[in-house]
Protein backbone atom coordinates (compact mmCIF):
# COMPACT_ATOMS: atom_id res chain seq x y z
CA MET A 1 0.00 0.00 0.00
CA THR A 2 1.07 3.59 -0.73
CA ASP A 3 -0.96 6.15 1.21
CA GLY A 4 -3.46 3.40 1.82
CA LYS A 5 -3.91 2.67 -1.91
CA PRO A 6 -3.39 -0.71 -3.58
CA LEU A 7 -0.01 -0.88 -5.40
CA VAL A 8 0.08 -1.95 -9.06
CA LEU A 9 3.31 -2.70 -10.98
CA ASN A 10 2.86 -1.85 -14.69
CA VAL A 11 5.28 -3.89 -16.84
CA ASP A 12 5.38 -2.87 -20.53
CA ASP A 13 8.33 -2.29 -22.87
CA ARG A 14 6.36 0.37 -24.76
CA GLU A 15 6.57 3.82 -23.19
CA ILE A 16 3.20 4.89 -24.60
CA GLY A 17 1.64 1.69 -23.23
CA ARG A 18 3.08 2.35 -19.77
CA TYR A 19 1.97 5.98 -19.85
CA THR A 20 -1.63 5.19 -20.88
CA LYS A 21 -2.11 2.44 -18.32
CA ASN A 22 -0.37 4.46 -15.57
CA ARG A 23 -2.75 7.34 -16.21
CA ASP A 24 -5.85 5.11 -16.13
CA LEU A 25 -4.72 3.31 -12.97
CA LEU A 26 -3.92 6.54 -11.12
CA ARG A 27 -7.30 7.97 -12.04
CA ALA A 28 -8.91 4.81 -10.69
CA GLY A 29 -7.31 5.37 -7.29
CA PHE A 30 -4.30 3.02 -7.40
CA SER A 31 -0.63 3.64 -6.61
CA VAL A 32 1.55 2.71 -9.62
CA LEU A 33 5.14 1.56 -10.23
CA GLU A 34 6.46 0.76 -13.71
CA ALA A 35 9.05 -1.47 -15.34
CA ALA A 36 10.13 -1.74 -19.00
CA ASN A 37 11.49 -5.29 -18.98
CA GLY A 38 11.26 -8.61 -17.20
CA GLU A 39 14.43 -8.28 -15.15
CA ASP A 40 13.39 -4.91 -13.70
CA ALA A 41 9.92 -6.31 -13.06
CA LEU A 42 11.26 -9.22 -10.97
CA ARG A 43 13.54 -6.88 -9.03
CA MET A 44 10.71 -4.48 -8.25
CA VAL A 45 8.36 -7.29 -7.23
CA GLU A 46 11.00 -8.52 -4.79
CA GLN A 47 11.57 -5.03 -3.41
CA HIS A 48 7.99 -3.63 -3.26
CA ARG A 49 5.68 -6.66 -3.23
CA PRO A 50 2.91 -5.02 -5.30
CA HIS A 51 -0.64 -6.25 -4.94
CA VAL A 52 -1.08 -6.68 -8.70
CA VAL A 53 1.41 -6.94 -11.59
CA LEU A 54 0.06 -5.71 -14.94
CA LEU A 55 2.31 -7.82 -17.19
CA ASP A 56 2.65 -7.49 -20.95
CA VAL A 57 3.19 -10.81 -22.76
CA GLN A 58 5.97 -9.49 -25.02
CA LEU A 59 9.05 -8.13 -23.24
CA PRO A 60 12.53 -7.45 -24.71
CA ASP A 61 14.57 -9.67 -22.38
CA ILE A 62 12.32 -12.34 -20.81
CA SER A 63 8.91 -13.43 -22.06
CA GLY A 64 5.90 -12.35 -20.04
CA SER A 65 5.01 -16.00 -19.47
CA GLU A 66 8.44 -16.70 -17.92
CA VAL A 67 8.20 -13.59 -15.74
CA CYS A 68 4.72 -14.68 -14.62
CA ALA A 69 5.94 -18.19 -13.78
CA GLU A 70 8.86 -16.77 -11.77
CA ILE A 71 6.59 -14.39 -9.82
CA LYS A 72 4.14 -17.15 -8.99
CA ALA A 73 6.93 -19.48 -7.92
CA ARG A 74 8.59 -16.96 -5.58
CA TRP A 75 5.72 -14.69 -4.51
CA PRO A 76 2.46 -16.61 -4.98
CA GLU A 77 0.44 -13.95 -3.14
CA VAL A 78 1.16 -11.37 -5.89
CA MET A 79 -1.69 -11.30 -8.43
CA VAL A 80 -0.71 -11.22 -12.15
CA LEU A 81 -2.91 -9.66 -14.82
CA GLN A 82 -1.36 -10.56 -18.17
CA THR A 83 -2.05 -8.19 -21.07
CA SER A 84 -1.48 -8.36 -24.80
CA ALA A 85 -2.47 -6.48 -27.92
CA THR A 86 -1.04 -9.18 -30.20
CA PHE A 87 -2.11 -12.50 -28.72
CA THR A 88 -5.87 -12.06 -28.50
CA THR A 89 -7.38 -15.39 -29.48
CA PRO A 90 -8.96 -17.75 -26.90
CA ASN A 91 -5.93 -20.05 -27.29
CA ASP A 92 -3.61 -17.14 -26.49
CA ARG A 93 -5.60 -16.37 -23.33
CA SER A 94 -5.52 -20.02 -22.32
CA THR A 95 -1.73 -20.10 -22.79
CA GLY A 96 -1.37 -17.00 -20.62
CA LEU A 97 -3.54 -18.41 -17.87
CA ASP A 98 -1.72 -21.75 -18.04
CA SER A 99 1.56 -19.96 -17.34
CA GLY A 100 0.17 -19.02 -13.92
CA ALA A 101 -1.51 -15.67 -14.59
CA ASP A 102 -4.58 -14.92 -12.50
CA SER A 103 -6.38 -13.15 -15.33
CA TYR A 104 -5.88 -12.08 -18.94
CA LEU A 105 -6.82 -8.76 -20.53
CA VAL A 106 -6.76 -7.94 -24.23
CA GLN A 107 -5.31 -4.51 -25.05
CA PRO A 108 -6.29 -1.85 -25.72
CA ALA A 109 -8.81 -1.96 -22.89
CA GLU A 110 -11.16 0.77 -21.74
CA PRO A 111 -10.02 2.51 -18.52
CA GLN A 112 -13.09 1.21 -16.69
CA GLU A 113 -12.40 -2.33 -17.86
CA LEU A 114 -8.75 -2.15 -16.74
CA ALA A 115 -9.71 -0.77 -13.32
CA ALA A 116 -12.44 -3.39 -12.90
CA ALA A 117 -10.02 -6.20 -13.77
CA VAL A 118 -7.50 -4.95 -11.19
CA ARG A 119 -10.18 -4.57 -8.52
CA ALA A 120 -11.41 -8.10 -9.22
CA LEU A 121 -7.90 -9.46 -8.61
CA LEU A 122 -7.62 -7.39 -5.43
CA ARG A 123 -10.82 -8.98 -4.16
CA ILE A 124 -9.47 -12.43 -4.97
CA ARG A 125 -6.21 -11.59 -3.19
CA ALA A 126 -8.08 -10.27 -0.14
CA ALA A 127 -10.08 -13.49 0.01
CA GLU A 128 -6.94 -15.59 -0.36
CA ASP A 129 -5.17 -13.52 2.32
CA ALA A 130 -8.08 -14.05 4.67
CA MET A 131 -8.08 -17.77 3.94
CA ARG A 132 -4.32 -17.89 4.39
CA ARG A 133 -4.53 -16.10 7.73
CA MET A 134 -7.30 -18.42 8.84
CA ASN A 135 -5.24 -21.45 7.79
CA GLU A 136 -2.21 -20.09 9.61
CA THR A 137 -4.31 -19.54 12.70
CA LEU A 138 -5.75 -23.03 12.47
CA GLU A 139 -2.33 -24.55 11.93
CA ARG A 140 -0.93 -22.65 14.91
CA ARG A 141 -3.77 -23.82 17.09
CA VAL A 142 -3.32 -27.40 15.94
CA GLU A 143 0.38 -27.21 16.74
CA GLU A 144 -0.33 -25.78 20.18
CA ARG A 145 -2.92 -28.47 20.89
CA THR A 146 -0.51 -31.14 19.67
CA ARG A 147 2.27 -29.95 21.99
CA ASP A 148 -0.09 -29.97 24.96
CA LEU A 149 -1.89 -33.20 24.06
CA GLU A 150 -0.36 -35.48 26.69
CA ALA A 151 -0.89 -33.04 29.57
CA ALA A 152 -4.39 -32.00 28.40
CA ASN A 153 -5.80 -35.37 27.38
CA GLU A 154 -8.37 -35.40 30.16
CA ARG A 155 -9.39 -31.82 29.42
CA LEU A 156 -9.73 -32.65 25.74
CA ARG A 157 -12.13 -35.48 26.47
CA HIS A 158 -14.13 -33.10 28.62
CA GLU A 159 -14.24 -30.53 25.81
CA ILE A 160 -15.41 -33.19 23.36
CA GLY A 161 -18.21 -34.05 25.73
CA GLN A 162 -19.14 -30.39 26.03
CA ARG A 163 -19.15 -30.02 22.26
CA GLU A 164 -21.42 -33.03 21.86
CA ARG A 165 -23.79 -31.62 24.47
CA ALA A 166 -23.77 -28.22 22.74
CA GLU A 167 -24.52 -29.82 19.37
CA ALA A 168 -27.33 -31.83 20.92
CA ALA A 169 -28.65 -28.65 22.58
CA LEU A 170 -28.48 -26.79 19.27
CA ALA A 171 -30.34 -29.58 17.47
CA GLN A 172 -32.94 -29.58 20.23
CA SER A 173 -33.24 -25.80 20.05
CA GLN A 174 -33.75 -25.93 16.28
CA LYS A 175 -36.38 -28.63 16.67
CA MET A 176 -38.15 -26.57 19.33
CA GLU A 177 -38.04 -23.52 17.06
CA ILE A 178 -39.69 -25.45 14.22
CA ILE A 179 -42.34 -26.84 16.57
CA GLY A 180 -42.85 -23.32 17.94
CA GLN A 181 -43.47 -21.91 14.47
CA LEU A 182 -46.04 -24.61 13.77
CA THR A 183 -47.82 -24.28 17.11
CA GLY A 184 -47.74 -20.48 16.95
CA GLY A 185 -49.39 -20.51 13.53
CA VAL A 186 -52.05 -22.96 14.67
CA ALA A 187 -52.71 -20.93 17.84
CA HIS A 188 -53.07 -17.75 15.79
CA ASP A 189 -55.71 -19.32 13.53
CA PHE A 190 -57.53 -20.80 16.53
CA ASN A 191 -57.61 -17.42 18.23
CA ASN A 192 -59.43 -15.97 15.22
CA LEU A 193 -61.98 -18.78 15.44
CA LEU A 194 -62.30 -18.43 19.22
CA THR A 195 -62.91 -14.69 18.84
CA ILE A 196 -65.99 -15.51 16.80
CA ILE A 197 -67.12 -18.40 19.02
CA MET A 198 -66.61 -16.66 22.37
CA GLY A 199 -68.04 -13.40 21.06
CA ASN A 200 -71.26 -14.96 19.81
CA VAL A 201 -71.68 -17.04 22.98
CA ASP A 202 -71.22 -13.84 24.95
CA ILE A 203 -73.84 -12.07 22.83
CA LEU A 204 -76.30 -14.93 23.40
CA GLN A 205 -75.69 -14.88 27.15
CA ARG A 206 -76.22 -11.12 27.37
CA HIS A 207 -79.43 -11.17 25.31
CA LEU A 208 -80.94 -14.37 26.65
CA PRO A 209 -84.63 -13.91 27.55
CA ALA A 210 -85.47 -14.31 31.22
CA ASP A 211 -87.88 -17.17 30.54
CA VAL A 212 -85.42 -19.34 28.60
CA PRO A 213 -85.22 -22.93 29.91
CA ASP A 214 -82.43 -23.68 32.38
CA ARG A 215 -81.02 -26.40 30.16
CA LEU A 216 -80.33 -23.81 27.43
CA LYS A 217 -78.62 -21.55 29.97
CA ARG A 218 -76.49 -24.49 31.08
CA ALA A 219 -75.66 -25.31 27.47
CA LEU A 220 -74.46 -21.75 26.87
CA ASP A 221 -72.49 -21.76 30.13
CA ASN A 222 -70.84 -25.03 29.09
CA ALA A 223 -70.03 -23.61 25.65
CA ALA A 224 -68.50 -20.49 27.24
CA ARG A 225 -66.49 -22.60 29.67
CA GLY A 226 -65.21 -24.83 26.86
CA ALA A 227 -64.24 -21.79 24.77
CA ARG A 228 -62.32 -20.32 27.72
CA ARG A 229 -60.46 -23.61 28.16
CA ALA A 230 -59.64 -23.63 24.45
CA SER A 231 -58.42 -20.04 24.77
CA ALA A 232 -56.16 -21.07 27.68
CA LEU A 233 -54.73 -23.88 25.54
CA THR A 234 -53.95 -21.51 22.67
CA GLN A 235 -52.30 -19.11 25.11
CA SER A 236 -50.12 -22.00 26.28
CA LEU A 237 -49.19 -22.72 22.68
CA LEU A 238 -48.36 -19.06 22.08
CA ALA A 239 -46.27 -19.04 25.25
CA PHE A 240 -44.27 -21.99 23.96
CA ALA A 241 -43.91 -20.35 20.53
CA ARG A 242 -42.72 -17.12 22.26
CA ARG A 243 -45.51 -15.12 20.62
CA GLN A 244 -47.43 -13.93 23.66
CA PRO A 245 -47.17 -10.20 24.48
CA LEU A 246 -45.56 -10.00 27.91
CA ASP A 247 -46.02 -7.28 30.52
CA PRO A 248 -42.57 -7.16 32.17
CA LYS A 249 -41.90 -5.15 35.30
CA PRO A 250 -39.34 -5.25 38.14
CA VAL A 251 -40.06 -8.33 40.26
CA ASP A 252 -38.85 -9.29 43.74
CA VAL A 253 -38.47 -13.02 43.12
CA ASN A 254 -38.30 -13.92 46.81
CA ALA A 255 -41.58 -12.14 47.55
CA LEU A 256 -43.27 -13.81 44.60
CA VAL A 257 -41.97 -17.27 45.59
CA GLY A 258 -43.12 -16.68 49.16
CA ALA A 259 -46.66 -15.88 48.01
CA VAL A 260 -46.73 -18.88 45.67
CA SER A 261 -45.48 -21.22 48.40
CA GLU A 262 -48.37 -20.29 50.68
CA MET A 263 -50.81 -21.16 47.91
CA LEU A 264 -49.01 -24.47 47.32
CA ARG A 265 -49.10 -25.42 51.03
CA ARG A 266 -52.85 -24.91 51.11
CA THR A 267 -53.32 -26.88 47.89
CA PHE A 268 -50.88 -29.78 48.23
CA GLY A 269 -51.71 -30.78 51.79
CA GLU A 270 -49.46 -32.44 54.34
CA GLN A 271 -48.14 -35.20 52.07
CA ILE A 272 -45.83 -32.73 50.32
CA ALA A 273 -43.34 -30.89 52.54
CA ILE A 274 -42.50 -27.52 51.01
CA GLU A 275 -39.12 -26.01 51.84
CA LEU A 276 -37.87 -22.57 50.80
CA MET A 277 -34.19 -21.68 50.41
CA LEU A 278 -34.18 -17.99 49.46
CA ALA A 279 -30.99 -15.98 49.03
CA ASP A 280 -30.91 -12.83 51.18
CA ASP A 281 -29.31 -10.60 48.55
CA ILE A 282 -31.35 -11.79 45.56
CA TRP A 283 -31.36 -9.48 42.56
CA ARG A 284 -34.56 -8.28 40.97
CA VAL A 285 -35.59 -9.41 37.49
CA ASN A 286 -37.55 -7.74 34.71
CA ALA A 287 -40.31 -10.23 33.95
CA ASP A 288 -44.05 -10.61 33.64
CA PRO A 289 -45.02 -11.46 37.26
CA ASN A 290 -48.19 -13.30 36.27
CA GLN A 291 -46.35 -15.49 33.80
CA LEU A 292 -43.51 -16.11 36.28
CA GLU A 293 -46.01 -17.14 38.93
CA SER A 294 -47.72 -19.42 36.42
CA ALA A 295 -44.35 -20.97 35.50
CA ILE A 296 -43.50 -21.73 39.15
CA LEU A 297 -46.98 -23.19 39.72
CA ASN A 298 -46.65 -25.42 36.64
CA LEU A 299 -43.28 -26.70 37.82
CA ALA A 300 -44.58 -27.27 41.34
CA VAL A 301 -47.61 -29.20 40.08
CA ASN A 302 -45.36 -31.39 37.91
CA ALA A 303 -43.15 -32.00 40.96
CA ARG A 304 -46.18 -32.98 43.06
CA ASP A 305 -47.38 -35.41 40.38
CA ALA A 306 -43.92 -37.01 40.36
CA MET A 307 -44.34 -37.77 44.11
CA PRO A 308 -47.64 -39.73 44.28
CA GLY A 309 -46.72 -41.15 47.70
CA GLY A 310 -45.60 -37.80 49.09
CA GLY A 311 -42.18 -36.21 49.37
CA ARG A 312 -40.33 -32.92 49.65
CA LEU A 313 -40.59 -29.94 47.28
CA THR A 314 -37.79 -27.39 47.56
CA ILE A 315 -37.90 -23.95 45.95
CA GLU A 316 -34.55 -22.17 45.94
CA THR A 317 -33.48 -18.74 44.71
CA VAL A 318 -29.89 -17.75 44.07
CA ASN A 319 -27.87 -15.21 42.08
CA ALA A 320 -25.67 -16.69 39.33
CA GLU A 321 -23.08 -15.34 36.92
CA LEU A 322 -22.82 -17.41 33.73
CA ASP A 323 -19.43 -17.12 32.05
CA ASP A 324 -18.73 -17.80 28.38
CA ALA A 325 -17.82 -21.44 28.96
CA SER A 326 -20.99 -22.16 30.94
CA ALA A 327 -23.22 -20.36 28.43
CA ALA A 328 -21.62 -22.14 25.47
CA ARG A 329 -22.83 -25.52 26.70
CA GLU A 330 -26.35 -24.73 25.49
CA ALA A 331 -27.89 -22.94 22.53
CA GLU A 332 -29.39 -19.43 22.91
CA VAL A 333 -27.72 -18.79 26.27
CA VAL A 334 -26.06 -15.40 26.79
CA PRO A 335 -23.32 -14.95 29.44
CA GLY A 336 -24.15 -12.55 32.26
CA PRO A 337 -25.94 -12.17 35.61
CA TYR A 338 -29.06 -14.24 36.25
CA VAL A 339 -31.49 -14.97 39.05
CA VAL A 340 -32.09 -18.72 39.35
CA VAL A 341 -35.34 -20.20 40.63
CA ALA A 342 -34.80 -23.93 41.22
CA ILE A 343 -37.69 -26.34 41.92
CA THR A 344 -36.52 -29.71 43.27
CA ASP A 345 -38.60 -32.79 44.08
CA THR A 346 -37.80 -36.19 45.54
CA GLY A 347 -39.99 -38.00 43.03
CA THR A 348 -39.61 -40.63 40.34
CA GLY A 349 -37.19 -38.68 38.15
CA MET A 350 -36.92 -38.64 34.36
CA THR A 351 -35.01 -40.68 31.82
CA ARG A 352 -32.77 -38.92 29.28
CA ASP A 353 -35.34 -39.55 26.54
CA VAL A 354 -38.08 -37.92 28.62
CA ILE A 355 -35.86 -34.90 29.40
CA ALA A 356 -35.16 -34.48 25.67
CA GLN A 357 -38.91 -34.17 24.97
CA ALA A 358 -40.06 -32.56 28.20
CA PHE A 359 -40.58 -29.07 26.76
CA GLU A 360 -42.39 -30.15 23.59
CA PRO A 361 -46.10 -29.23 23.39
CA PHE A 362 -48.51 -32.04 24.25
CA PHE A 363 -45.73 -34.37 25.41
CA THR A 364 -46.69 -35.92 28.73
CA THR A 365 -45.92 -39.05 30.71
CA LYS A 366 -49.27 -38.84 32.49
CA ASP A 367 -52.28 -40.97 31.64
CA ILE A 368 -54.73 -39.71 29.02
CA GLY A 369 -57.04 -37.12 30.52
CA HIS A 370 -54.64 -36.24 33.37
CA GLY A 371 -52.64 -33.52 31.68
CA THR A 372 -52.42 -31.49 28.47
CA GLY A 373 -48.65 -31.68 28.13
CA LEU A 374 -48.47 -27.89 27.89
CA GLY A 375 -47.22 -26.98 31.38
CA LEU A 376 -43.49 -27.33 30.73
CA SER A 377 -43.78 -26.00 27.17
CA GLN A 378 -45.43 -22.86 28.56
CA VAL A 379 -42.60 -22.46 31.06
CA TYR A 380 -40.05 -22.93 28.28
CA GLY A 381 -41.62 -20.35 26.00
CA PHE A 382 -42.09 -17.72 28.72
CA VAL A 383 -38.52 -18.05 30.00
CA LYS A 384 -37.01 -17.97 26.51
CA GLN A 385 -39.13 -14.96 25.54
CA SER A 386 -37.93 -13.24 28.72
CA GLY A 387 -34.29 -13.68 27.69
CA GLY A 388 -33.58 -16.59 30.05
CA HIS A 389 -33.31 -20.35 29.79
CA VAL A 390 -34.32 -23.54 31.57
CA ARG A 391 -32.24 -26.54 32.64
CA ILE A 392 -33.42 -29.93 33.85
CA HIS A 393 -31.32 -32.18 36.08
CA SER A 394 -32.90 -35.53 36.89
CA GLU A 395 -32.04 -39.03 38.07
CA VAL A 396 -34.50 -41.88 37.86
CA GLY A 397 -35.67 -42.84 41.33
CA HIS A 398 -34.05 -39.83 43.01
CA GLY A 399 -35.98 -36.80 41.80
CA THR A 400 -35.72 -33.82 39.48
CA THR A 401 -34.48 -30.23 39.62
CA VAL A 402 -35.71 -27.66 37.12
CA LYS A 403 -33.73 -24.42 37.11
CA VAL A 404 -35.22 -21.27 35.62
CA TYR A 405 -32.63 -18.59 34.74
CA LEU A 406 -33.99 -15.04 34.36
CA PRO A 407 -31.73 -12.07 33.46
CA ARG A 408 -30.97 -9.66 36.27
CA LEU A 409 -32.87 -6.36 36.15
CA GLN A 410 -30.63 -3.69 34.63
CA ALA A 411 -30.85 0.00 35.40
CA GLU A 412 -32.27 0.81 31.94
CA ASP A 413 -35.20 -1.61 32.33
CA VAL A 414 -38.29 0.41 33.20
CA ALA A 415 -41.70 -1.02 33.89
CA GLY A 416 -44.52 0.33 31.76
CA ASP A 417 -47.59 2.03 33.14
CA GLN A 418 -50.46 -0.33 33.80
CA GLU A 419 -54.00 0.34 32.71
CA PRO A 420 -56.55 0.10 35.50
CA ALA A 421 -58.75 -2.96 35.47
CA ALA A 422 -62.30 -2.28 34.45
CA HIS A 423 -65.10 -3.36 36.78
CA ALA A 424 -67.91 -2.26 34.43
CA THR A 425 -68.57 -2.22 30.71
CA PRO A 426 -68.08 1.39 29.60
CA ALA A 427 -70.20 2.46 26.64
CA GLY A 428 -69.20 4.54 23.64
CA HIS A 429 -70.77 7.58 22.01
CA ARG A 430 -72.26 7.98 18.55
CA HIS A 431 -69.95 10.88 17.80
CA GLU A 432 -66.97 8.53 18.25
CA THR A 433 -66.23 6.64 15.03
CA ILE A 434 -64.28 3.37 15.07
CA LEU A 435 -62.73 2.03 11.85
CA VAL A 436 -62.40 -1.78 12.04
CA VAL A 437 -59.73 -3.23 9.73
CA GLU A 438 -59.74 -7.04 9.58
CA ASP A 439 -59.25 -9.42 6.65
CA ASP A 440 -61.31 -12.25 8.19
CA PRO A 441 -64.91 -11.26 7.35
CA ASP A 442 -66.42 -13.20 10.28
CA VAL A 443 -64.09 -11.58 12.82
CA ARG A 444 -64.65 -8.17 11.19
CA GLU A 445 -68.43 -8.47 11.35
CA HIS A 446 -68.31 -9.70 14.94
CA SER A 447 -66.04 -6.82 16.00
CA ALA A 448 -68.28 -4.30 14.28
CA GLU A 449 -71.34 -5.79 15.97
CA ILE A 450 -69.75 -5.49 19.42
CA LEU A 451 -68.68 -1.89 18.78
CA GLY A 452 -72.11 -0.96 17.47
CA GLU A 453 -73.74 -2.49 20.53
CA LEU A 454 -71.38 -0.48 22.72
CA GLY A 455 -72.71 2.71 21.11
CA TYR A 456 -69.96 3.63 18.66
CA ARG A 457 -70.36 4.58 15.03
CA VAL A 458 -68.58 1.80 13.12
CA LEU A 459 -66.85 1.70 9.71
CA GLN A 460 -65.20 -1.36 8.18
CA ALA A 461 -62.30 -2.17 5.83
CA GLU A 462 -60.69 -5.45 4.83
CA ASN A 463 -57.10 -4.25 4.28
CA GLY A 464 -54.76 -1.29 4.54
CA PRO A 465 -55.48 0.47 1.22
CA ALA A 466 -59.22 0.19 1.78
CA ALA A 467 -58.81 1.62 5.29
CA LEU A 468 -56.83 4.61 4.01
CA ALA A 469 -59.56 5.29 1.46
CA VAL A 470 -62.11 5.38 4.28
CA LEU A 471 -59.87 7.75 6.27
CA GLU A 472 -59.76 10.14 3.33
CA ARG A 473 -63.54 10.60 3.29
CA GLU A 474 -64.58 9.96 6.91
CA GLU A 475 -63.70 11.51 10.26
CA VAL A 476 -62.34 8.59 12.30
CA THR A 477 -61.76 8.72 16.05
CA LEU A 478 -59.98 5.38 16.52
CA LEU A 479 -58.42 2.78 14.22
CA PHE A 480 -59.00 -0.81 15.43
CA THR A 481 -56.77 -2.94 13.20
CA ASP A 482 -55.52 -6.48 12.98
CA LEU A 483 -51.73 -6.71 12.65
CA GLY A 484 -51.70 -9.39 9.98
CA LEU A 485 -53.29 -7.85 6.89
CA PRO A 486 -53.06 -8.80 3.20
CA GLY A 487 -52.32 -6.40 0.37
CA GLY A 488 -48.71 -5.49 1.16
CA MET A 489 -49.45 -3.33 4.20
CA ASN A 490 -49.56 -4.78 7.71
CA GLY A 491 -51.42 -3.24 10.64
CA ARG A 492 -48.39 -1.36 11.97
CA GLN A 493 -47.68 0.21 8.57
CA LEU A 494 -51.34 1.14 8.21
CA ALA A 495 -51.37 2.77 11.65
CA ASP A 496 -48.23 4.79 10.91
CA GLU A 497 -49.69 6.09 7.65
CA ALA A 498 -53.08 6.78 9.25
CA VAL A 499 -51.51 8.83 12.06
CA ARG A 500 -49.38 10.69 9.51
CA ARG A 501 -52.52 11.70 7.65
CA ARG A 502 -54.74 12.18 10.71
CA PRO A 503 -52.50 12.94 13.73
CA HIS A 504 -55.40 12.83 16.23
CA VAL A 505 -56.47 9.28 15.31
CA ARG A 506 -55.93 6.78 18.14
CA VAL A 507 -54.94 3.18 17.37
CA ILE A 508 -55.60 -0.18 19.02
CA PHE A 509 -53.99 -3.27 17.51
CA THR A 510 -55.38 -6.78 17.77
CA SER A 511 -53.70 -10.06 16.94
CA GLY A 512 -53.83 -13.77 17.61
CA HIS A 513 -50.16 -13.69 18.63
CA ALA A 514 -47.38 -11.28 19.49
CA THR A 515 -45.85 -10.03 16.27
CA SER A 516 -42.44 -8.52 15.64
CA ALA A 517 -44.20 -5.53 14.07
CA ILE A 518 -45.01 -4.10 17.52
CA VAL A 519 -43.50 -6.52 20.07
CA HIS A 520 -39.73 -6.64 20.51
CA HIS A 521 -37.79 -8.67 23.07
CA GLY A 522 -41.06 -9.93 24.50
CA ARG A 523 -42.56 -6.53 25.26
CA LEU A 524 -44.98 -4.18 23.52
CA ASP A 525 -43.35 -1.14 21.92
CA PRO A 526 -43.83 1.99 24.08
CA GLY A 527 -46.94 4.05 23.42
CA LEU A 528 -48.82 1.31 21.54
CA HIS A 529 -52.02 -0.47 22.55
CA LEU A 530 -52.80 -4.13 21.90
CA ILE A 531 -55.73 -6.39 22.75
CA ALA A 532 -55.08 -10.05 22.11
CA LYS A 533 -57.51 -12.37 20.38
CA PRO A 534 -59.84 -13.81 21.48
CA PHE A 535 -61.09 -10.65 23.17
CA THR A 536 -64.28 -10.36 25.19
CA TYR A 537 -67.08 -7.83 25.00
CA SER A 538 -66.16 -6.25 28.33
CA GLY A 539 -62.42 -6.43 27.65
CA LEU A 540 -62.74 -4.63 24.32
CA ALA A 541 -65.10 -2.06 25.85
CA ALA A 542 -62.62 -1.28 28.63
CA LYS A 543 -59.65 -1.05 26.26
CA LEU A 544 -61.49 1.31 23.91
CA ARG A 545 -62.62 3.57 26.68
CA SER A 546 -59.16 3.67 28.24
CA VAL A 547 -57.47 4.67 24.96
CA LEU A 548 -60.16 7.17 23.94
CA ASP A 549 -60.20 8.82 27.36
CA GLN A 550 -56.40 9.17 27.19
CA ARG A 551 -56.89 10.92 23.83
CA ALA A 552 -59.47 13.27 25.29
CA GLU A 553 -57.21 14.15 28.22
CA ALA A 554 -54.25 14.73 25.88
CA ARG A 555 -56.26 17.07 23.62
CA ALA A 556 -57.60 18.96 26.64
CA GLU A 557 -54.06 19.65 27.78
């Protein structure tokens, strides 16, 4: 390099040829040296080690082919671009390349063509240099490992074992990711269906005549209860698929475990002894407290079921720092500070095959009808979505320990404001216009029916472009849009464009799962509002009123 520029040696016995090519190369941003014969060329290559030699085939003392062969024999890293205005047939080019040249250029060449040919060789040389450095590094490491082989034989076997475990963990993680994509997609579709089912059952219950037979009331109650159970199952699937919108906030793990343990003591009875081992200086975590409580309950229930004759359940909390070596043993584990919640039982334990499948949806060792197989998968999805991980240690006949690792709360983690829970069903006003954007016609009609019943003026659109057309001609108070829309514009993009055109329009998103359009790292983007499908009449009413009242307050200010 000269002043940071690639160095090209221009070898040509013709002065006009050297001048022309020197000019073109300098204009293209290269540093240039020149030589008029083969002997000078070899001397200058030895002295300056140019990146590229622009070598004419015909030289007065040594042929270009001989010079090329000598350069490649002594300095193989130097790239040779052979040129000729005489030998221009394909056979001539083949002869030049066979002599060791890296490329062949027929003269006269356009300045752009010459510069492009040199840059191409520079890219090849850079790639070869990188490969050479990598090979040198690999060779040096192999030599170092070979010298230390006798003393480090035991350590090497340990590293091989770690590598095998890491590969197995990676394969398991990839399998879980594929299963998660499938289950997440299924749960999303089911949530659309459940929105319609639960909504219509709710409408029937609210408009049921007083004199309807009790058996019809019971039938509706049973239908509602079944729909809620189905909704809980889809939420479990979304948790496993890491597509549930979380509500993280700073959590005192010891306080949460203490509250959960009291509930477990009342539920499990005297057959299960519950012991707490809580670290005094436990760090706080940034997690969804409801989901964390649900995860601990799921693990505790599994532990109880593994001890049918009674036993001891221990819940332990401890701070842990995972270094690079510890994190590398498993896929998707980041080194750093964690809070560990460990649930240990003295039950039947698990085989290695059971551990390998334990987190998969619907996998269960229980009898049919005694478990959905979604408890551990829900724990897995929640912990992974929260940036943590789960480990299982088990021995058949001696019990199981499940360790949940959650990242320590950092100073920049801030809990979001919580909306107050609604105890009534707030109504809307006819002067408030809601634009419903939903591609599923059944869900769209159902949403519009609910909003109309709540007292709002309702408009409908099936996709983003149709919604924008409505916005152009109608005064809209709030945009209620699904996130997954056809037509090349998703719900987030529609909302951004709608607010750009009508800055006072409020937006509520709805979706059957958490989407990367508005949810990042397991949490809703600041300032956005989401109601998950399937939503209820009262839940939608409360969300609408909350968002619209915030708008009114903001405009009043």
